[in-house]
Structures are given as structure tokens and as C-alpha cells.
Amino acid sequence: MKINDYSIYSKRILNRFSTFFVIILIATPGLSQTLCESSDQIWRVGNQRWTVQEEIQFGKWVNENIKEDFFIRYNIPTDCADVPYAVRWIYARINHLPAAATTKDGKLIGHWSKNWKYLPTHPNWSQDKRFRAALFYLISETWTGTLPKDTYPVRISPDAITPGTLLAMAKSHVAIIGHVCLDGSQIHPLQTWESVLPVKVRKLSSKDFFSPKPERTHPLGLVKFRWPVFENGEWKYLPIKEHPFYSEEQYTPAFYKRHADFIEAVAKRIDPTEYHPMEKMTKVMEKITHLLKERVPTVLDGYQQCAKRGCPEGSNLWEMHNTLSRDEMITLLMDHLSRIIESIHLDKEIVKEMMESVSIQITEKRSVTFYDVYRNCSWLSPHPKDSIEARWGLKKCEMIRAQIQTAKDCIAFFERIYRKRDPQYADFGIRQQQEILRRLNEELMRSDCHLTASINY
């Protein structure tokens, strides 16, 4: 190759490299800025930045790592808004990505903050005292009211609605998408993790996607966290409309006009498959069976820890070993299963035979069938101190009798305290308790408990 030819060839390579480098700078916001990081900040990010691929990895991490006991394992107290903020920051810390948040007083804090420089760091985030101190400050200084400044609305599509996406249901509540189910085994393809007030170390609740029609003003609905970028010597957010998943379609009437409500519109966008009822019934049964088998060791561990200690409701041990959220999910799925069975008019004996063929070993010497739980799911006890039989609804008759006595005691209380003082309120309270007694009586008859309860006082 001649020198002139080599020179021309070198220039072409340089030009292509320069073009490629420019593309990288455009695709990775903030990478073109010179970043001088201090050892005093919470963590350093180097050239790591949020990209579409990182959002995909974040979704996979949430799906695989966030379980109901995640915040118990790491001793982190939460309310509803704390969960998405903490999850995002923990992932960012693990992967040396930028993270930011707007505090109640409007300040932008982030990985670059140096307020905790006096505390030591550690390669493992859960043992990093500096990071944990910053994390606890974060969840104390943010709430649902700061989320609109830290998030942006997204298009409703499978590539955009991934685990880690937020569902802002009202100005006072938010959830995080934990799983996206695309096999028809759930009531809704989107499953959320949620926490509630007051702030405490607790299990997360798993729920089906539920939201009223979102309004643009807050904004509510399905949103993602904004990307921090380094520009002009400081960290700031990428403008909302420059994010790759940005869209306001969920706020338009056209989005849900062909569907019963916003919930159905989202479901059809995420998983438009029309499942055959028999296929759906089988998938739902498989999902419930999986939840029941997962419940077994939780119940056994809880009984071992709490049978003698008591574990009063709300205590740390109760929070660790209760099955309240799981039991709510099982009950909802059982109800969903009942509606599917009714829709295809399947013979009851065939259904019973199918359900009785599925066995769940609850102790070394005892098992229950799917049909047992199907009949008694409303009577599963979530309390770890209760007997194994009570935890699995096998003490149903005793529990009904106890509730009947409670209802009768309530009626006596209304008569004694309010009959003369406030007759109208007494009548109202008694009518409510009589309705409870009526339903309990019906349940007793269905359950062959050989006991009746009078609804008359």
C-alpha cells in the first residue's frame, strides 16, 4: 500500500471511529461530559449510565430478587413510596449506575452526595454503612408527592412495562411492578409489590394490577424513573420527553375506549392472547398449587418460632412469618378459578376429581388436597402462632363458631351500650352483626359442621 493510500485509509477509519463515538455520546446521555468523582460521595459511577439495555437488566433483577421478605432480610423499614425508591437505588448502587431523588424541600440528591463521607463503605451494598445511611435518609425525605418530579409517563407496551415500572394509583399510594405474567395464569398480567403506612420493617404485599383511570395532572398511572445525566458540571435529570419510553397515551380517552376500563385496556396491551377457558383453568390451578407448596415451609417455620412465644400481630416475628399477603392472593385466585369453571359449565364431580388428584404435603405425616384448600381458602389462618391445622383451614368449624360468638357478643354490646343512648346506631350495628351471623350460618350448613346459628337476637 502506498503512503498516500495508507493516509487516505487511516483518515477513513478515523472518520468512522469519530462517527461511532458521536453515536455513543448521543445514545448515552451525559457521557460526553468530563466527570471528576470524589471518594467522599456515596458511590462512584465512572462511565456507567442508564440505557434501554440497563432498564431491561433492572427489570430482570427486580423479577428475580424482589420477594415479599426482601426488606425484612435487609432490615429496611418501608411505606408505599419507599419501596420503588429503595429498589431503584439499591440496583443502581450494585451496578454503579447514577441514582437521584427529589426531597420534600425540592432538593436533588443522588449518588454524588457527600453528606455521609464520614462513614465507611463496603463492596456489598447491604454492609455499606455510607450507602445504608443515605438510603434511610432517602426514604425519610421522599414520598408519593415527590414521585412526579422523579418519574415520567410511559407507553403501554410489553417493552416499556417491565418489572421496576411504577404504578401511581393515587396521590397517596404507589406500587412497583414485580412480575409480568404472559401465560394466562394470573387475573391480570401485571403483578405489583406494595407496602403501606406506618413505616416499619414488613413483608411486601403481592397484588394484581388495579388502578382507576389515570389523570395527566399529577401525573398518575404507569411511570418510570428518570435518568440522571451529567451536564455543565452537575447532575440533573434528562428532560422528560427525551426518555425512550415516554408517552402520554394512557391519559387519552382513545387508549381505553374499546375496553371496560383502564385495567382491561392495560391487560390487553401487555398480553392480547385470548386463552381457551380450559387452558386458563389449568394454568391458574398450576399457579395456585405453586403458591400453596411455597406456603408449606413458611407455615412450618412460623409455627416452630411462634407456637410458644406467641408472636403478637405486628411484632417482628409476626411480620417475618405471617402469610397474610400470600393468603389474600390465593383467595383471589381461587375466586378467579371459580368464575372460570362456571363460565365453561364444567361438571362439579369432574372438577372435584381433578382437584383431589393434587396433593400438598403440609407436614411429614399429613397432606391436604387442592380441593380441601379450594373449599376452605377463606378460612386459612395467616397467623404464625396458630396450629398447622388452623393455618390450612382444617379448623374451619371451630373458627366459624368463634366468629359466631364474637358476632353475638357485638350484638349484646350494642344493646347494652347504645340501646338507650342512641337507638338508631344500635339498630344499625345490630343489623350488621345479624347479616354476619346469617352468612356464617350458611357457611356452617355448606360445611357440614352440624351447627346452626340464629340470626335473631
Protein backbone atom coordinates (compact mmCIF):
# COMPACT_ATOMS: atom_id res chain seq x y z
CA MET A 1 0.00 0.00 0.00
CA LYS A 2 1.38 3.40 -0.95
CA ILE A 3 1.85 6.09 1.67
CA ASN A 4 -0.90 8.28 0.17
CA ASP A 5 -3.29 5.31 0.05
CA TYR A 6 -2.45 4.44 3.65
CA SER A 7 -3.05 8.06 4.69
CA ILE A 8 -6.47 8.09 2.98
CA TYR A 9 -7.36 4.70 4.55
CA SER A 10 -6.33 5.95 8.01
CA LYS A 11 -8.50 9.04 7.63
CA ARG A 12 -11.49 6.89 6.68
CA ILE A 13 -11.01 4.72 9.77
CA LEU A 14 -10.65 7.84 11.94
CA ASN A 15 -13.79 9.36 10.43
CA ARG A 16 -15.76 6.16 11.04
CA PHE A 17 -14.47 5.92 14.60
CA SER A 18 -15.37 9.58 15.22
CA THR A 19 -18.88 8.99 13.86
CA PHE A 20 -19.26 5.87 16.02
CA PHE A 21 -18.08 7.79 19.09
CA VAL A 22 -20.58 10.58 18.44
CA ILE A 23 -23.37 7.97 18.20
CA ILE A 24 -22.31 6.56 21.57
CA LEU A 25 -22.38 10.05 23.11
CA ILE A 26 -25.89 10.66 21.79
CA ALA A 27 -27.16 7.24 22.90
CA THR A 28 -25.64 7.63 26.37
CA PRO A 29 -26.76 10.96 27.90
CA GLY A 30 -24.09 12.77 29.85
CA LEU A 31 -21.16 10.59 28.74
CA SER A 32 -19.58 13.46 26.80
CA GLN A 33 -19.07 15.49 29.99
CA THR A 34 -15.82 15.20 31.95
CA LEU A 35 -16.65 13.59 35.28
CA CYS A 36 -14.38 14.04 38.27
CA GLU A 37 -15.64 11.86 41.10
CA SER A 38 -14.77 12.12 44.77
CA SER A 39 -14.11 9.26 47.16
CA ASP A 40 -16.39 11.13 49.59
CA GLN A 41 -19.58 10.53 47.58
CA ILE A 42 -22.00 7.66 48.28
CA TRP A 43 -20.74 5.62 45.33
CA ARG A 44 -18.93 6.28 42.08
CA VAL A 45 -20.37 5.54 38.64
CA GLY A 46 -17.48 6.08 36.23
CA ASN A 47 -18.83 5.87 32.68
CA GLN A 48 -21.87 3.79 33.66
CA ARG A 49 -25.18 5.37 32.53
CA TRP A 50 -28.80 4.35 32.21
CA THR A 51 -29.72 2.97 28.79
CA VAL A 52 -32.59 0.90 27.38
CA GLN A 53 -30.47 -2.21 27.95
CA GLU A 54 -29.86 -1.23 31.59
CA GLU A 55 -33.62 -0.78 32.08
CA ILE A 56 -34.10 -4.32 30.74
CA GLN A 57 -31.48 -5.62 33.18
CA PHE A 58 -33.12 -3.67 36.01
CA GLY A 59 -36.43 -5.37 35.18
CA LYS A 60 -34.81 -8.81 35.26
CA TRP A 61 -33.18 -8.01 38.61
CA VAL A 62 -36.49 -6.89 40.14
CA ASN A 63 -38.24 -10.00 38.83
CA GLU A 64 -35.59 -12.32 40.28
CA ASN A 65 -34.63 -10.58 43.53
CA ILE A 66 -37.57 -8.67 44.98
CA LYS A 67 -39.56 -11.12 47.10
CA GLU A 68 -42.09 -10.49 49.85
CA ASP A 69 -39.40 -10.68 52.55
CA PHE A 70 -36.75 -8.58 50.74
CA PHE A 71 -36.90 -5.63 53.15
CA ILE A 72 -37.13 -7.90 56.19
CA ARG A 73 -33.91 -9.68 55.15
CA TYR A 74 -32.09 -6.35 54.94
CA ASN A 75 -33.88 -4.70 57.88
CA ILE A 76 -35.21 -1.73 55.90
CA PRO A 77 -38.46 -0.07 57.06
CA THR A 78 -40.88 0.96 54.30
CA ASP A 79 -44.15 2.58 53.43
CA CYS A 80 -45.58 2.54 49.89
CA ALA A 81 -43.31 5.16 48.22
CA ASP A 82 -40.20 3.87 49.98
CA VAL A 83 -40.32 0.59 48.06
CA PRO A 84 -39.74 1.89 44.50
CA TYR A 85 -37.18 4.49 45.62
CA ALA A 86 -35.21 1.91 47.64
CA VAL A 87 -35.36 -0.74 44.91
CA ARG A 88 -34.06 1.70 42.29
CA TRP A 89 -31.22 2.98 44.48
CA ILE A 90 -30.15 -0.50 45.58
CA TYR A 91 -29.93 -1.71 41.97
CA ALA A 92 -28.05 1.45 40.96
CA ARG A 93 -25.61 1.02 43.86
CA ILE A 94 -24.94 -2.64 42.95
CA ASN A 95 -24.29 -1.78 39.31
CA HIS A 96 -22.55 1.60 39.82
CA LEU A 97 -25.28 3.47 37.93
CA PRO A 98 -26.44 7.04 38.62
CA ALA A 99 -29.36 7.48 41.04
CA ALA A 100 -31.20 10.61 42.11
CA ALA A 101 -34.29 11.72 44.01
CA THR A 102 -36.10 14.94 44.83
CA THR A 103 -36.55 15.59 48.55
CA LYS A 104 -39.61 17.08 50.23
CA ASP A 105 -37.98 20.52 50.16
CA GLY A 106 -37.21 20.29 46.43
CA LYS A 107 -33.50 19.44 46.57
CA LEU A 108 -31.99 16.90 44.17
CA ILE A 109 -29.84 14.33 45.97
CA GLY A 110 -28.02 11.39 44.44
CA HIS A 111 -25.07 9.03 44.35
CA TRP A 112 -22.79 12.09 44.20
CA SER A 113 -23.90 13.43 47.61
CA LYS A 114 -21.10 13.76 50.19
CA ASN A 115 -23.16 14.20 53.37
CA TRP A 116 -22.12 10.76 54.61
CA LYS A 117 -18.40 10.90 53.77
CA TYR A 118 -17.52 10.23 57.43
CA LEU A 119 -18.99 6.70 57.18
CA PRO A 120 -17.05 3.71 55.80
CA THR A 121 -18.04 1.96 52.57
CA HIS A 122 -18.12 -1.73 51.67
CA PRO A 123 -18.25 -3.64 48.36
CA ASN A 124 -21.54 -5.26 49.42
CA TRP A 125 -24.37 -2.70 49.45
CA SER A 126 -26.11 -4.28 52.45
CA GLN A 127 -22.94 -3.88 54.54
CA ASP A 128 -22.09 -0.43 53.19
CA LYS A 129 -22.74 1.90 56.14
CA ARG A 130 -22.43 5.01 53.99
CA PHE A 131 -24.96 3.74 51.46
CA ARG A 132 -27.40 2.49 54.10
CA ALA A 133 -27.31 5.86 55.89
CA ALA A 134 -28.04 7.62 52.59
CA LEU A 135 -30.79 5.10 51.79
CA PHE A 136 -32.51 5.68 55.14
CA TYR A 137 -32.29 9.43 54.57
CA LEU A 138 -33.74 8.95 51.09
CA ILE A 139 -36.83 7.08 52.29
CA SER A 140 -37.40 9.62 55.06
CA GLU A 141 -37.22 12.61 52.68
CA THR A 142 -39.27 11.28 49.74
CA TRP A 143 -42.93 10.36 49.41
CA THR A 144 -45.63 9.93 46.77
CA GLY A 145 -45.69 13.72 46.36
CA THR A 146 -42.07 13.79 45.13
CA LEU A 147 -42.52 10.99 42.58
CA PRO A 148 -43.90 13.25 39.78
CA LYS A 149 -40.56 15.11 39.77
CA ASP A 150 -38.57 11.87 39.61
CA THR A 151 -40.63 9.91 37.06
CA TYR A 152 -42.13 10.17 33.57
CA PRO A 153 -45.22 8.56 31.96
CA VAL A 154 -44.57 5.65 29.62
CA ARG A 155 -46.24 3.98 26.67
CA ILE A 156 -48.26 0.89 27.47
CA SER A 157 -46.41 -1.89 25.67
CA PRO A 158 -44.53 -5.07 26.67
CA ASP A 159 -41.12 -3.47 26.05
CA ALA A 160 -41.91 -0.45 28.26
CA ILE A 161 -43.93 -2.04 31.08
CA THR A 162 -41.30 -4.22 32.72
CA PRO A 163 -40.67 -5.12 36.38
CA GLY A 164 -39.49 -1.98 38.16
CA THR A 165 -42.08 0.22 36.44
CA LEU A 166 -44.17 2.19 38.94
CA LEU A 167 -47.95 2.30 39.28
CA ALA A 168 -49.04 5.57 40.90
CA MET A 169 -52.66 4.82 41.82
CA ALA A 170 -53.40 7.98 43.77
CA LYS A 171 -51.55 10.92 45.26
CA SER A 172 -51.18 8.87 48.45
CA HIS A 173 -50.28 5.41 47.11
CA VAL A 174 -47.82 3.80 44.70
CA ALA A 175 -46.80 0.25 43.83
CA ILE A 176 -43.96 -1.27 41.81
CA ILE A 177 -44.46 -3.85 39.08
CA GLY A 178 -42.82 -7.04 40.37
CA HIS A 179 -43.71 -9.55 37.68
CA VAL A 180 -45.17 -9.55 34.19
CA CYS A 181 -47.13 -12.76 33.59
CA LEU A 182 -47.66 -13.70 29.94
CA ASP A 183 -49.09 -17.23 30.28
CA GLY A 184 -52.65 -16.52 31.43
CA SER A 185 -52.11 -17.94 34.92
CA GLN A 186 -52.94 -14.68 36.73
CA ILE A 187 -56.04 -12.50 36.92
CA HIS A 188 -54.02 -9.67 35.34
CA PRO A 189 -50.64 -9.90 33.56
CA LEU A 190 -49.14 -7.22 35.82
CA GLN A 191 -48.37 -8.18 39.43
CA THR A 192 -47.32 -5.50 41.91
CA TRP A 193 -45.39 -5.30 45.16
CA GLU A 194 -46.77 -2.85 47.71
CA SER A 195 -46.18 -1.58 51.22
CA VAL A 196 -48.35 0.64 53.44
CA LEU A 197 -48.22 3.07 56.32
CA PRO A 198 -46.99 3.21 59.03
CA VAL A 199 -43.31 2.93 58.15
CA LYS A 200 -41.94 -0.33 59.54
CA VAL A 201 -39.95 -3.42 58.59
CA ARG A 202 -42.57 -5.67 56.99
CA LYS A 203 -43.31 -8.11 54.20
CA LEU A 204 -44.40 -6.72 50.87
CA SER A 205 -47.90 -7.45 49.62
CA SER A 206 -48.31 -9.05 46.21
CA LYS A 207 -51.37 -7.78 44.32
CA ASP A 208 -52.94 -7.80 40.89
CA PHE A 209 -52.71 -4.60 38.86
CA PHE A 210 -55.51 -2.28 39.93
CA SER A 211 -55.85 1.39 39.08
CA PRO A 212 -58.54 3.91 38.23
CA LYS A 213 -58.17 5.87 35.02
CA PRO A 214 -55.01 7.97 35.50
CA GLU A 215 -55.03 11.74 35.26
CA ARG A 216 -52.35 13.77 33.47
CA THR A 217 -52.27 16.43 36.19
CA HIS A 218 -50.37 14.52 38.91
CA PRO A 219 -49.28 12.56 36.80
CA LEU A 220 -50.63 9.21 37.90
CA GLY A 221 -50.63 5.87 36.13
CA LEU A 222 -47.71 3.83 34.84
CA VAL A 223 -44.40 5.69 35.12
CA LYS A 224 -40.66 5.02 35.16
CA PHE A 225 -37.79 6.71 36.98
CA ARG A 226 -36.00 9.46 35.08
CA TRP A 227 -32.34 9.10 34.10
CA PRO A 228 -29.77 11.31 35.89
CA VAL A 229 -27.27 12.85 33.43
CA PHE A 230 -24.09 14.87 34.00
CA GLU A 231 -24.18 18.20 32.14
CA ASN A 232 -22.36 21.50 32.60
CA GLY A 233 -20.51 20.18 35.62
CA GLU A 234 -23.55 18.97 37.56
CA TRP A 235 -26.01 16.11 37.80
CA LYS A 236 -29.57 16.75 36.62
CA TYR A 237 -32.41 14.79 35.07
CA LEU A 238 -32.72 14.08 31.37
CA PRO A 239 -35.76 16.10 30.13
CA ILE A 240 -38.92 14.00 30.43
CA LYS A 241 -39.74 13.89 26.72
CA GLU A 242 -36.25 12.67 25.80
CA HIS A 243 -36.66 9.35 27.62
CA PRO A 244 -37.02 6.34 25.28
CA PHE A 245 -40.33 5.04 26.67
CA TYR A 246 -42.02 8.44 27.10
CA SER A 247 -45.69 8.64 26.09
CA GLU A 248 -48.89 10.22 27.40
CA GLU A 249 -51.19 7.79 25.58
CA GLN A 250 -52.55 6.35 28.84
CA TYR A 251 -54.19 9.71 29.61
CA THR A 252 -56.17 9.84 26.35
CA PRO A 253 -59.75 8.51 26.02
CA ALA A 254 -58.72 6.63 22.86
CA PHE A 255 -56.48 4.35 24.94
CA TYR A 256 -59.30 2.62 26.80
CA LYS A 257 -62.44 3.42 24.79
CA ARG A 258 -62.73 -0.14 23.41
CA HIS A 259 -62.37 -1.72 26.84
CA ALA A 260 -64.42 -1.90 30.02
CA ASP A 261 -61.90 0.20 31.97
CA PHE A 262 -58.26 1.21 32.26
CA ILE A 263 -57.36 -2.10 33.94
CA GLU A 264 -58.62 -4.16 31.00
CA ALA A 265 -57.03 -1.80 28.46
CA VAL A 266 -53.61 -2.27 30.07
CA ALA A 267 -54.08 -6.06 30.27
CA LYS A 268 -54.89 -6.34 26.56
CA ARG A 269 -51.89 -4.19 25.60
CA ILE A 270 -49.50 -6.30 27.67
CA ASP A 271 -50.94 -9.72 26.80
CA PRO A 272 -53.51 -9.69 23.97
CA THR A 273 -53.73 -13.51 23.85
CA GLU A 274 -57.24 -14.97 24.07
CA TYR A 275 -56.85 -18.09 26.23
CA HIS A 276 -59.20 -21.06 25.97
CA PRO A 277 -61.06 -21.37 29.31
CA MET A 278 -59.83 -24.95 29.90
CA GLU A 279 -56.23 -23.88 29.24
CA LYS A 280 -56.65 -20.90 31.56
CA MET A 281 -58.21 -23.09 34.27
CA THR A 282 -55.23 -25.47 34.14
CA LYS A 283 -52.72 -22.61 34.29
CA VAL A 284 -54.49 -20.96 37.23
CA MET A 285 -54.59 -24.28 39.11
CA GLU A 286 -50.86 -24.74 38.49
CA LYS A 287 -50.16 -21.22 39.77
CA ILE A 288 -52.21 -21.76 42.94
CA THR A 289 -50.55 -25.15 43.55
CA HIS A 290 -47.15 -23.46 43.32
CA LEU A 291 -48.22 -20.81 45.86
CA LEU A 292 -49.58 -23.48 48.22
CA LYS A 293 -46.37 -25.53 48.09
CA GLU A 294 -44.31 -22.38 48.72
CA ARG A 295 -46.56 -21.69 51.73
CA VAL A 296 -45.71 -25.01 53.44
CA PRO A 297 -42.20 -24.16 54.78
CA THR A 298 -43.34 -20.65 55.76
CA VAL A 299 -46.15 -22.12 57.89
CA LEU A 300 -43.89 -24.75 59.48
CA ASP A 301 -41.15 -22.21 60.29
CA GLY A 302 -43.71 -19.79 61.71
CA TYR A 303 -45.26 -22.43 63.95
CA GLN A 304 -41.84 -23.50 65.20
CA GLN A 305 -40.92 -19.90 66.06
CA CYS A 306 -44.26 -18.65 67.37
CA ALA A 307 -46.26 -21.54 68.89
CA LYS A 308 -44.74 -20.92 72.32
CA ARG A 309 -43.63 -17.27 72.01
CA GLY A 310 -47.00 -16.02 70.77
CA CYS A 311 -45.70 -13.60 68.12
CA PRO A 312 -48.36 -10.89 68.60
CA GLU A 313 -49.64 -9.31 65.41
CA GLY A 314 -47.34 -6.50 64.25
CA SER A 315 -44.27 -7.84 66.06
CA ASN A 316 -41.07 -8.51 64.13
CA LEU A 317 -41.57 -12.28 64.27
CA TRP A 318 -45.17 -11.93 63.11
CA GLU A 319 -44.03 -9.78 60.17
CA MET A 320 -41.47 -12.43 59.24
CA HIS A 321 -43.75 -15.47 59.42
CA ASN A 322 -47.31 -14.34 58.64
CA THR A 323 -48.87 -15.35 55.31
CA LEU A 324 -51.44 -12.56 55.05
CA SER A 325 -50.44 -11.31 51.59
CA ARG A 326 -49.95 -14.81 50.16
CA ASP A 327 -53.32 -15.95 51.54
CA GLU A 328 -55.07 -12.95 50.01
CA MET A 329 -53.53 -13.82 46.64
CA ILE A 330 -54.56 -17.49 46.99
CA THR A 331 -58.14 -16.50 47.87
CA LEU A 332 -58.37 -14.11 44.90
CA LEU A 333 -57.02 -16.75 42.52
CA MET A 334 -59.43 -19.36 43.90
CA ASP A 335 -62.30 -16.95 43.27
CA HIS A 336 -60.96 -16.34 39.76
CA LEU A 337 -60.77 -20.12 39.25
CA SER A 338 -64.40 -20.49 40.35
CA ARG A 339 -65.53 -17.95 37.77
CA ILE A 340 -63.59 -19.73 35.02
CA ILE A 341 -65.18 -23.07 35.98
CA GLU A 342 -68.65 -21.51 35.95
CA SER A 343 -68.03 -19.94 32.54
CA ILE A 344 -67.35 -23.31 30.89
CA HIS A 345 -70.13 -25.17 32.80
CA LEU A 346 -67.76 -27.95 33.84
CA ASP A 347 -69.33 -30.84 35.76
CA LYS A 348 -68.76 -30.41 39.51
CA GLU A 349 -67.73 -34.03 40.03
CA ILE A 350 -65.11 -33.76 37.29
CA VAL A 351 -63.76 -30.58 38.90
CA LYS A 352 -63.68 -32.25 42.31
CA GLU A 353 -61.83 -35.26 40.90
CA MET A 354 -59.25 -33.01 39.22
CA MET A 355 -58.68 -31.04 42.41
CA GLU A 356 -58.48 -34.09 44.67
CA SER A 357 -55.74 -35.54 42.47
CA VAL A 358 -53.42 -32.69 43.54
CA SER A 359 -51.86 -33.29 46.96
CA ILE A 360 -49.94 -30.81 49.14
CA GLN A 361 -47.79 -32.27 51.91
CA ILE A 362 -48.25 -29.85 54.84
CA THR A 363 -46.27 -31.89 57.42
CA GLU A 364 -44.26 -35.10 57.32
CA LYS A 365 -47.35 -37.13 58.20
CA ARG A 366 -50.20 -35.07 56.80
CA SER A 367 -51.33 -33.74 53.45
CA VAL A 368 -54.29 -31.83 52.06
CA THR A 369 -55.71 -31.86 48.57
CA PHE A 370 -56.21 -28.90 46.30
CA TYR A 371 -59.95 -29.46 46.77
CA ASP A 372 -59.60 -29.10 50.57
CA VAL A 373 -57.97 -25.70 50.16
CA TYR A 374 -60.43 -24.71 47.42
CA ARG A 375 -63.33 -25.27 49.84
CA ASN A 376 -61.62 -23.73 52.86
CA CYS A 377 -59.43 -20.96 51.41
CA SER A 378 -61.43 -18.23 53.17
CA TRP A 379 -60.52 -19.87 56.47
CA LEU A 380 -56.76 -20.15 56.05
CA SER A 381 -55.16 -18.57 59.09
CA PRO A 382 -52.28 -16.17 58.34
CA HIS A 383 -51.14 -16.08 61.98
CA PRO A 384 -47.89 -17.97 62.69
CA LYS A 385 -48.87 -18.90 66.26
CA ASP A 386 -51.95 -20.87 65.14
CA SER A 387 -51.89 -24.64 64.79
CA ILE A 388 -50.90 -26.23 61.48
CA GLU A 389 -54.50 -27.41 61.06
CA ALA A 390 -55.83 -23.89 61.55
CA ARG A 391 -53.25 -22.45 59.14
CA TRP A 392 -54.63 -24.74 56.40
CA GLY A 393 -58.32 -24.13 57.08
CA LEU A 394 -58.84 -27.51 58.74
CA LYS A 395 -60.23 -25.85 61.88
CA LYS A 396 -62.90 -24.14 59.84
CA CYS A 397 -65.84 -25.19 62.02
CA GLU A 398 -64.12 -24.03 65.22
CA MET A 399 -63.26 -20.71 63.57
CA ILE A 400 -66.85 -20.22 62.42
CA ARG A 401 -68.15 -20.97 65.92
CA ALA A 402 -65.70 -18.44 67.36
CA GLN A 403 -66.86 -15.78 64.87
CA ILE A 404 -70.49 -16.56 65.66
CA GLN A 405 -69.80 -15.97 69.34
CA THR A 406 -67.99 -12.72 68.52
CA ALA A 407 -70.96 -11.51 66.46
CA LYS A 408 -73.36 -12.36 69.30
CA ASP A 409 -71.13 -10.54 71.78
CA CYS A 410 -71.17 -7.49 69.48
CA ILE A 411 -74.97 -7.54 69.36
CA ALA A 412 -75.10 -7.70 73.16
CA PHE A 413 -72.65 -4.78 73.31
CA PHE A 414 -74.82 -2.61 71.02
CA GLU A 415 -77.90 -3.41 73.10
CA ARG A 416 -76.20 -2.70 76.41
CA ILE A 417 -74.29 0.45 75.48
CA TYR A 418 -76.32 2.14 72.73
CA ARG A 419 -79.96 1.00 73.03
CA LYS A 420 -80.98 3.89 75.29
CA ARG A 421 -78.26 6.36 74.31
CA ASP A 422 -78.59 6.09 70.51
CA PRO A 423 -81.30 3.63 69.35
CA GLN A 424 -80.67 4.31 65.65
CA TYR A 425 -76.99 3.49 65.94
CA ALA A 426 -77.83 0.39 68.00
CA ASP A 427 -80.21 -0.83 65.27
CA PHE A 428 -77.60 -0.15 62.58
CA GLY A 429 -74.87 -2.07 64.43
CA ILE A 430 -77.15 -4.98 65.25
CA ARG A 431 -78.33 -5.30 61.64
CA GLN A 432 -74.71 -5.56 60.51
CA GLN A 433 -73.96 -8.30 63.02
CA GLN A 434 -77.15 -10.16 62.12
CA GLU A 435 -76.07 -10.17 58.48
CA ILE A 436 -72.70 -11.59 59.54
CA LEU A 437 -74.50 -14.30 61.53
CA ARG A 438 -76.68 -15.14 58.53
CA ARG A 439 -73.63 -15.65 56.31
CA LEU A 440 -71.86 -17.69 58.98
CA ASN A 441 -74.93 -19.89 59.32
CA GLU A 442 -74.95 -20.52 55.56
CA GLU A 443 -71.27 -21.40 55.66
CA LEU A 444 -71.88 -23.83 58.51
CA MET A 445 -74.61 -25.57 56.54
CA ARG A 446 -72.39 -25.85 53.46
CA SER A 447 -69.50 -27.14 55.55
CA ASP A 448 -71.46 -29.87 57.37
CA CYS A 449 -70.37 -28.54 60.73
CA HIS A 450 -73.69 -29.68 62.25
CA LEU A 451 -74.26 -26.38 63.95
CA THR A 452 -76.73 -23.61 63.25
CA ALA A 453 -76.62 -20.01 64.29
CA SER A 454 -79.74 -17.97 64.79
CA ILE A 455 -79.73 -14.58 63.15
CA ASN A 456 -82.32 -13.37 65.64
CA TYR A 457 -81.24 -11.88 68.92
